[in-house]
Amino acid sequence: MEGISTISYKNKSIIYIDYSVAGTDKDKILQLIKAGTEEYRKHPPKSVISLLNVANVRFDMDVVNALSESRPLSGPYEKKIAIIGLKGLLKVIYNAVVQLAQREAIKIFESEAEAKEWLAAD
């Protein structure tokens, strides 16, 4: 599916989900959420490292609900998740939620290069 690919960086296989290709098209965003969950589930538990690009994505309640519903399905497969493209207040809110949930495996980065370095470090 357009928006989901696997990239190799420093001998690591990273699932790249580029939500930015959907922009403000809610249907495409929802399709990417579903396809991303399906992609994660193809891998062993706690093995997926992933880079999510959410630049220019519009988050409404339908998107937030879809993300919430996908968490129990994709969460068991996640090892490390890096997010790029969050800006302003949304970034502040998301950081607070991640800290409250004590999720060290999810981090927000300013650049793709920084995100890949963190994902590749083990």
N, C-alpha and C. Protein backbone atom coordinates (compact mmCIF):
# COMPACT_ATOMS: atom_id res chain seq x y z
N MET A 1 0.85 -1.18 0.00
CA MET A 1 0.00 0.00 0.00
C MET A 1 0.89 1.23 0.00
N GLU A 2 0.48 2.24 -0.75
CA GLU A 2 1.22 3.50 -0.76
C GLU A 2 1.26 4.06 0.66
N GLY A 3 2.44 4.43 1.09
CA GLY A 3 2.62 5.00 2.41
C GLY A 3 3.27 4.04 3.39
N ILE A 4 3.35 2.76 3.04
CA ILE A 4 3.99 1.79 3.92
C ILE A 4 5.12 1.11 3.16
N SER A 5 6.30 1.16 3.75
CA SER A 5 7.44 0.51 3.13
C SER A 5 8.38 0.04 4.23
N THR A 6 9.36 -0.74 3.81
CA THR A 6 10.41 -1.17 4.73
C THR A 6 11.71 -0.56 4.25
N ILE A 7 12.39 0.08 5.17
CA ILE A 7 13.68 0.67 4.83
C ILE A 7 14.76 0.00 5.67
N SER A 8 15.95 -0.03 5.12
CA SER A 8 17.08 -0.60 5.84
C SER A 8 18.00 0.54 6.26
N TYR A 9 18.37 0.52 7.53
CA TYR A 9 19.28 1.54 8.04
C TYR A 9 20.19 0.89 9.07
N LYS A 10 21.47 0.92 8.79
CA LYS A 10 22.48 0.33 9.68
C LYS A 10 22.11 -1.11 10.06
N ASN A 11 21.80 -1.88 9.04
CA ASN A 11 21.46 -3.29 9.19
C ASN A 11 20.19 -3.54 10.01
N LYS A 12 19.35 -2.54 10.12
CA LYS A 12 18.07 -2.70 10.79
C LYS A 12 16.96 -2.55 9.75
N SER A 13 15.93 -3.34 9.89
CA SER A 13 14.77 -3.25 9.02
C SER A 13 13.72 -2.40 9.75
N ILE A 14 13.35 -1.29 9.14
CA ILE A 14 12.44 -0.33 9.77
C ILE A 14 11.17 -0.23 8.93
N ILE A 15 10.04 -0.44 9.57
CA ILE A 15 8.77 -0.24 8.88
C ILE A 15 8.50 1.26 8.88
N TYR A 16 8.37 1.82 7.68
CA TYR A 16 8.15 3.26 7.53
C TYR A 16 6.70 3.47 7.11
N ILE A 17 5.96 4.15 7.96
CA ILE A 17 4.57 4.48 7.65
C ILE A 17 4.49 5.98 7.47
N ASP A 18 4.24 6.38 6.23
CA ASP A 18 4.25 7.78 5.85
C ASP A 18 2.82 8.30 5.73
N TYR A 19 2.28 8.72 6.87
CA TYR A 19 0.92 9.27 6.89
C TYR A 19 0.85 10.59 6.13
N SER A 20 1.99 11.24 5.93
CA SER A 20 1.97 12.53 5.24
C SER A 20 1.47 12.42 3.80
N VAL A 21 1.56 11.22 3.20
CA VAL A 21 1.05 11.06 1.83
C VAL A 21 -0.47 11.18 1.79
N ALA A 22 -1.11 10.96 2.93
CA ALA A 22 -2.58 11.07 3.00
C ALA A 22 -3.03 12.50 3.26
N GLY A 23 -2.15 13.30 3.87
CA GLY A 23 -2.49 14.69 4.16
C GLY A 23 -3.76 14.81 4.98
N THR A 24 -4.75 15.44 4.43
CA THR A 24 -6.01 15.66 5.16
C THR A 24 -7.10 14.69 4.72
N ASP A 25 -6.75 13.70 3.88
CA ASP A 25 -7.74 12.72 3.42
C ASP A 25 -7.95 11.67 4.52
N LYS A 26 -9.02 11.85 5.27
CA LYS A 26 -9.28 10.99 6.43
C LYS A 26 -9.39 9.52 6.04
N ASP A 27 -10.03 9.22 4.93
CA ASP A 27 -10.16 7.83 4.51
C ASP A 27 -8.80 7.18 4.28
N LYS A 28 -7.88 7.90 3.65
CA LYS A 28 -6.54 7.36 3.42
C LYS A 28 -5.79 7.17 4.74
N ILE A 29 -5.96 8.11 5.66
CA ILE A 29 -5.31 7.98 6.97
C ILE A 29 -5.82 6.73 7.68
N LEU A 30 -7.14 6.53 7.66
CA LEU A 30 -7.73 5.37 8.31
C LEU A 30 -7.26 4.07 7.65
N GLN A 31 -7.13 4.08 6.33
CA GLN A 31 -6.62 2.90 5.61
C GLN A 31 -5.18 2.61 6.01
N LEU A 32 -4.38 3.66 6.16
CA LEU A 32 -2.98 3.48 6.57
C LEU A 32 -2.89 2.93 7.99
N ILE A 33 -3.75 3.38 8.87
CA ILE A 33 -3.75 2.87 10.25
C ILE A 33 -4.03 1.37 10.22
N LYS A 34 -5.04 0.97 9.48
CA LYS A 34 -5.40 -0.46 9.39
C LYS A 34 -4.28 -1.26 8.74
N ALA A 35 -3.74 -0.76 7.63
CA ALA A 35 -2.66 -1.47 6.93
C ALA A 35 -1.40 -1.56 7.79
N GLY A 36 -1.11 -0.50 8.53
CA GLY A 36 0.05 -0.52 9.42
C GLY A 36 -0.09 -1.57 10.50
N THR A 37 -1.29 -1.67 11.08
CA THR A 37 -1.55 -2.69 12.09
C THR A 37 -1.37 -4.09 11.51
N GLU A 38 -1.88 -4.28 10.31
CA GLU A 38 -1.72 -5.58 9.65
C GLU A 38 -0.25 -5.89 9.37
N GLU A 39 0.51 -4.89 8.99
CA GLU A 39 1.94 -5.08 8.73
C GLU A 39 2.67 -5.47 10.01
N TYR A 40 2.39 -4.81 11.12
CA TYR A 40 3.04 -5.13 12.40
C TYR A 40 2.78 -6.58 12.77
N ARG A 41 1.56 -7.04 12.54
CA ARG A 41 1.14 -8.37 12.97
C ARG A 41 1.78 -9.49 12.15
N LYS A 42 2.51 -9.15 11.11
CA LYS A 42 3.24 -10.14 10.32
C LYS A 42 4.56 -10.52 10.97
N HIS A 43 4.93 -9.81 12.02
CA HIS A 43 6.24 -9.97 12.65
C HIS A 43 6.11 -10.58 14.05
N PRO A 44 7.19 -11.12 14.58
CA PRO A 44 7.14 -11.67 15.94
C PRO A 44 6.86 -10.56 16.97
N PRO A 45 6.30 -10.94 18.11
CA PRO A 45 6.05 -9.96 19.18
C PRO A 45 7.34 -9.24 19.59
N LYS A 46 7.18 -7.98 19.92
CA LYS A 46 8.27 -7.11 20.41
C LYS A 46 9.45 -7.04 19.43
N SER A 47 9.19 -7.09 18.13
CA SER A 47 10.28 -7.07 17.16
C SER A 47 10.22 -5.88 16.19
N VAL A 48 9.09 -5.21 16.12
CA VAL A 48 8.92 -4.17 15.10
C VAL A 48 9.56 -2.86 15.54
N ILE A 49 10.43 -2.35 14.68
CA ILE A 49 10.89 -0.98 14.84
C ILE A 49 10.28 -0.20 13.67
N SER A 50 9.75 0.96 13.99
CA SER A 50 8.96 1.67 13.00
C SER A 50 9.18 3.16 13.08
N LEU A 51 9.12 3.78 11.91
CA LEU A 51 9.21 5.23 11.79
C LEU A 51 7.90 5.73 11.22
N LEU A 52 7.23 6.61 11.95
CA LEU A 52 5.95 7.17 11.53
C LEU A 52 6.13 8.63 11.18
N ASN A 53 5.74 9.00 9.97
CA ASN A 53 5.79 10.40 9.55
C ASN A 53 4.37 10.93 9.55
N VAL A 54 4.07 11.84 10.48
CA VAL A 54 2.72 12.39 10.60
C VAL A 54 2.65 13.86 10.19
N ALA A 55 3.64 14.31 9.41
CA ALA A 55 3.66 15.71 8.97
C ALA A 55 2.39 16.03 8.18
N ASN A 56 1.78 17.14 8.52
CA ASN A 56 0.59 17.67 7.83
C ASN A 56 -0.65 16.80 7.94
N VAL A 57 -0.65 15.85 8.87
CA VAL A 57 -1.83 15.00 9.06
C VAL A 57 -2.81 15.73 9.97
N ARG A 58 -4.05 15.64 9.62
CA ARG A 58 -5.10 16.26 10.42
C ARG A 58 -5.71 15.19 11.32
N PHE A 59 -5.61 15.40 12.61
CA PHE A 59 -6.13 14.45 13.59
C PHE A 59 -7.50 14.91 14.05
N ASP A 60 -8.54 14.13 13.73
CA ASP A 60 -9.86 14.40 14.27
C ASP A 60 -10.25 13.20 15.14
N MET A 61 -11.45 13.20 15.68
CA MET A 61 -11.85 12.14 16.60
C MET A 61 -11.88 10.77 15.93
N ASP A 62 -12.26 10.70 14.65
CA ASP A 62 -12.27 9.41 13.96
C ASP A 62 -10.86 8.84 13.87
N VAL A 63 -9.88 9.68 13.56
CA VAL A 63 -8.49 9.23 13.45
C VAL A 63 -7.96 8.84 14.83
N VAL A 64 -8.24 9.65 15.83
CA VAL A 64 -7.79 9.34 17.20
C VAL A 64 -8.41 8.03 17.67
N ASN A 65 -9.69 7.83 17.40
CA ASN A 65 -10.35 6.58 17.79
C ASN A 65 -9.76 5.38 17.07
N ALA A 66 -9.47 5.54 15.77
CA ALA A 66 -8.87 4.44 15.01
C ALA A 66 -7.49 4.09 15.56
N LEU A 67 -6.71 5.11 15.91
CA LEU A 67 -5.40 4.86 16.50
C LEU A 67 -5.54 4.15 17.85
N SER A 68 -6.51 4.57 18.65
CA SER A 68 -6.74 3.94 19.95
C SER A 68 -7.16 2.49 19.80
N GLU A 69 -8.00 2.22 18.81
CA GLU A 69 -8.46 0.85 18.58
C GLU A 69 -7.35 -0.04 18.04
N SER A 70 -6.39 0.55 17.33
CA SER A 70 -5.30 -0.25 16.76
C SER A 70 -4.24 -0.60 17.80
N ARG A 71 -4.15 0.17 18.87
CA ARG A 71 -3.09 -0.04 19.88
C ARG A 71 -3.07 -1.45 20.45
N PRO A 72 -4.20 -2.01 20.90
CA PRO A 72 -4.13 -3.37 21.45
C PRO A 72 -3.72 -4.41 20.42
N LEU A 73 -3.96 -4.14 19.15
CA LEU A 73 -3.61 -5.08 18.08
C LEU A 73 -2.16 -4.96 17.65
N SER A 74 -1.64 -3.73 17.61
CA SER A 74 -0.26 -3.53 17.14
C SER A 74 0.75 -3.46 18.28
N GLY A 75 0.33 -3.02 19.44
CA GLY A 75 1.23 -2.84 20.58
C GLY A 75 2.09 -4.03 20.93
N PRO A 76 1.54 -5.24 20.94
CA PRO A 76 2.37 -6.40 21.31
C PRO A 76 3.54 -6.67 20.35
N TYR A 77 3.50 -6.10 19.17
CA TYR A 77 4.54 -6.35 18.17
C TYR A 77 5.62 -5.27 18.17
N GLU A 78 5.37 -4.16 18.85
CA GLU A 78 6.27 -3.02 18.82
C GLU A 78 7.48 -3.21 19.72
N LYS A 79 8.62 -2.81 19.17
CA LYS A 79 9.84 -2.74 19.98
C LYS A 79 10.20 -1.27 20.19
N LYS A 80 10.27 -0.52 19.09
CA LYS A 80 10.59 0.91 19.16
C LYS A 80 9.82 1.63 18.06
N ILE A 81 9.24 2.75 18.42
CA ILE A 81 8.51 3.57 17.46
C ILE A 81 9.03 5.00 17.53
N ALA A 82 9.44 5.52 16.39
CA ALA A 82 9.89 6.91 16.30
C ALA A 82 8.86 7.68 15.47
N ILE A 83 8.53 8.86 15.93
CA ILE A 83 7.53 9.69 15.26
C ILE A 83 8.18 11.00 14.84
N ILE A 84 7.95 11.37 13.59
CA ILE A 84 8.42 12.67 13.10
C ILE A 84 7.22 13.42 12.53
N GLY A 85 7.32 14.73 12.52
CA GLY A 85 6.29 15.56 11.90
C GLY A 85 5.28 16.17 12.85
N LEU A 86 5.37 15.86 14.14
CA LEU A 86 4.46 16.49 15.11
C LEU A 86 4.94 17.90 15.38
N LYS A 87 4.02 18.83 15.44
CA LYS A 87 4.36 20.24 15.66
C LYS A 87 3.48 20.86 16.74
N GLY A 88 4.00 21.90 17.34
CA GLY A 88 3.24 22.77 18.24
C GLY A 88 2.57 22.06 19.40
N LEU A 89 1.33 22.44 19.64
CA LEU A 89 0.56 21.94 20.77
C LEU A 89 0.35 20.44 20.70
N LEU A 90 0.15 19.92 19.50
CA LEU A 90 -0.04 18.48 19.34
C LEU A 90 1.18 17.72 19.84
N LYS A 91 2.36 18.24 19.58
CA LYS A 91 3.59 17.61 20.04
C LYS A 91 3.67 17.63 21.57
N VAL A 92 3.31 18.73 22.17
CA VAL A 92 3.34 18.85 23.63
C VAL A 92 2.36 17.86 24.27
N ILE A 93 1.16 17.80 23.72
CA ILE A 93 0.13 16.89 24.25
C ILE A 93 0.59 15.44 24.11
N TYR A 94 1.09 15.09 22.93
CA TYR A 94 1.51 13.72 22.69
C TYR A 94 2.66 13.33 23.62
N ASN A 95 3.63 14.21 23.81
CA ASN A 95 4.74 13.93 24.73
C ASN A 95 4.22 13.66 26.14
N ALA A 96 3.26 14.44 26.58
CA ALA A 96 2.69 14.26 27.92
C ALA A 96 1.99 12.90 28.03
N VAL A 97 1.24 12.53 27.01
CA VAL A 97 0.54 11.24 27.03
C VAL A 97 1.54 10.09 27.06
N VAL A 98 2.57 10.16 26.26
CA VAL A 98 3.59 9.11 26.23
C VAL A 98 4.28 9.00 27.58
N GLN A 99 4.60 10.13 28.20
CA GLN A 99 5.25 10.10 29.50
C GLN A 99 4.33 9.51 30.57
N LEU A 100 3.06 9.88 30.54
CA LEU A 100 2.11 9.34 31.51
C LEU A 100 1.95 7.83 31.35
N ALA A 101 2.01 7.37 30.12
CA ALA A 101 1.88 5.93 29.86
C ALA A 101 3.19 5.19 30.09
N GLN A 102 4.25 5.94 30.41
CA GLN A 102 5.57 5.38 30.64
C GLN A 102 6.02 4.51 29.47
N ARG A 103 5.91 5.06 28.29
CA ARG A 103 6.27 4.34 27.07
C ARG A 103 7.63 4.81 26.57
N GLU A 104 8.69 4.21 27.08
CA GLU A 104 10.03 4.56 26.65
C GLU A 104 10.29 4.14 25.21
N ALA A 105 9.46 3.22 24.70
CA ALA A 105 9.67 2.68 23.36
C ALA A 105 9.12 3.58 22.26
N ILE A 106 8.49 4.69 22.63
CA ILE A 106 7.95 5.63 21.64
C ILE A 106 8.57 6.99 21.90
N LYS A 107 9.18 7.55 20.86
CA LYS A 107 9.80 8.88 21.01
C LYS A 107 9.48 9.73 19.80
N ILE A 108 9.46 11.03 20.04
CA ILE A 108 9.22 12.02 18.98
C ILE A 108 10.55 12.67 18.63
N PHE A 109 10.78 12.84 17.33
CA PHE A 109 12.02 13.44 16.86
C PHE A 109 11.73 14.57 15.90
N GLU A 110 12.69 15.48 15.81
CA GLU A 110 12.57 16.62 14.89
C GLU A 110 12.92 16.23 13.46
N SER A 111 13.79 15.23 13.32
CA SER A 111 14.23 14.88 11.97
C SER A 111 14.22 13.36 11.77
N GLU A 112 14.14 12.99 10.50
CA GLU A 112 14.18 11.57 10.15
C GLU A 112 15.54 10.97 10.50
N ALA A 113 16.61 11.73 10.32
CA ALA A 113 17.95 11.23 10.63
C ALA A 113 18.09 10.88 12.11
N GLU A 114 17.61 11.77 12.99
CA GLU A 114 17.67 11.50 14.43
C GLU A 114 16.84 10.27 14.78
N ALA A 115 15.67 10.17 14.17
CA ALA A 115 14.77 9.04 14.44
C ALA A 115 15.42 7.73 14.04
N LYS A 116 16.03 7.70 12.86
CA LYS A 116 16.68 6.47 12.39
C LYS A 116 17.85 6.07 13.29
N GLU A 117 18.62 7.04 13.75
CA GLU A 117 19.74 6.74 14.64
C GLU A 117 19.23 6.07 15.92
N TRP A 118 18.17 6.62 16.50
CA TRP A 118 17.61 6.05 17.73
C TRP A 118 17.06 4.65 17.47
N LEU A 119 16.35 4.49 16.34
CA LEU A 119 15.78 3.17 16.02
C LEU A 119 16.89 2.13 15.82
N ALA A 120 17.99 2.52 15.21
CA ALA A 120 19.07 1.58 14.91
C ALA A 120 19.93 1.23 16.13
N ALA A 121 19.88 2.09 17.14
CA ALA A 121 20.69 1.85 18.35
C ALA A 121 20.09 0.71 19.17
N ASP A 122 20.91 -0.23 19.53
CA ASP A 122 20.46 -1.34 20.37
C ASP A 122 21.59 -1.88 21.17
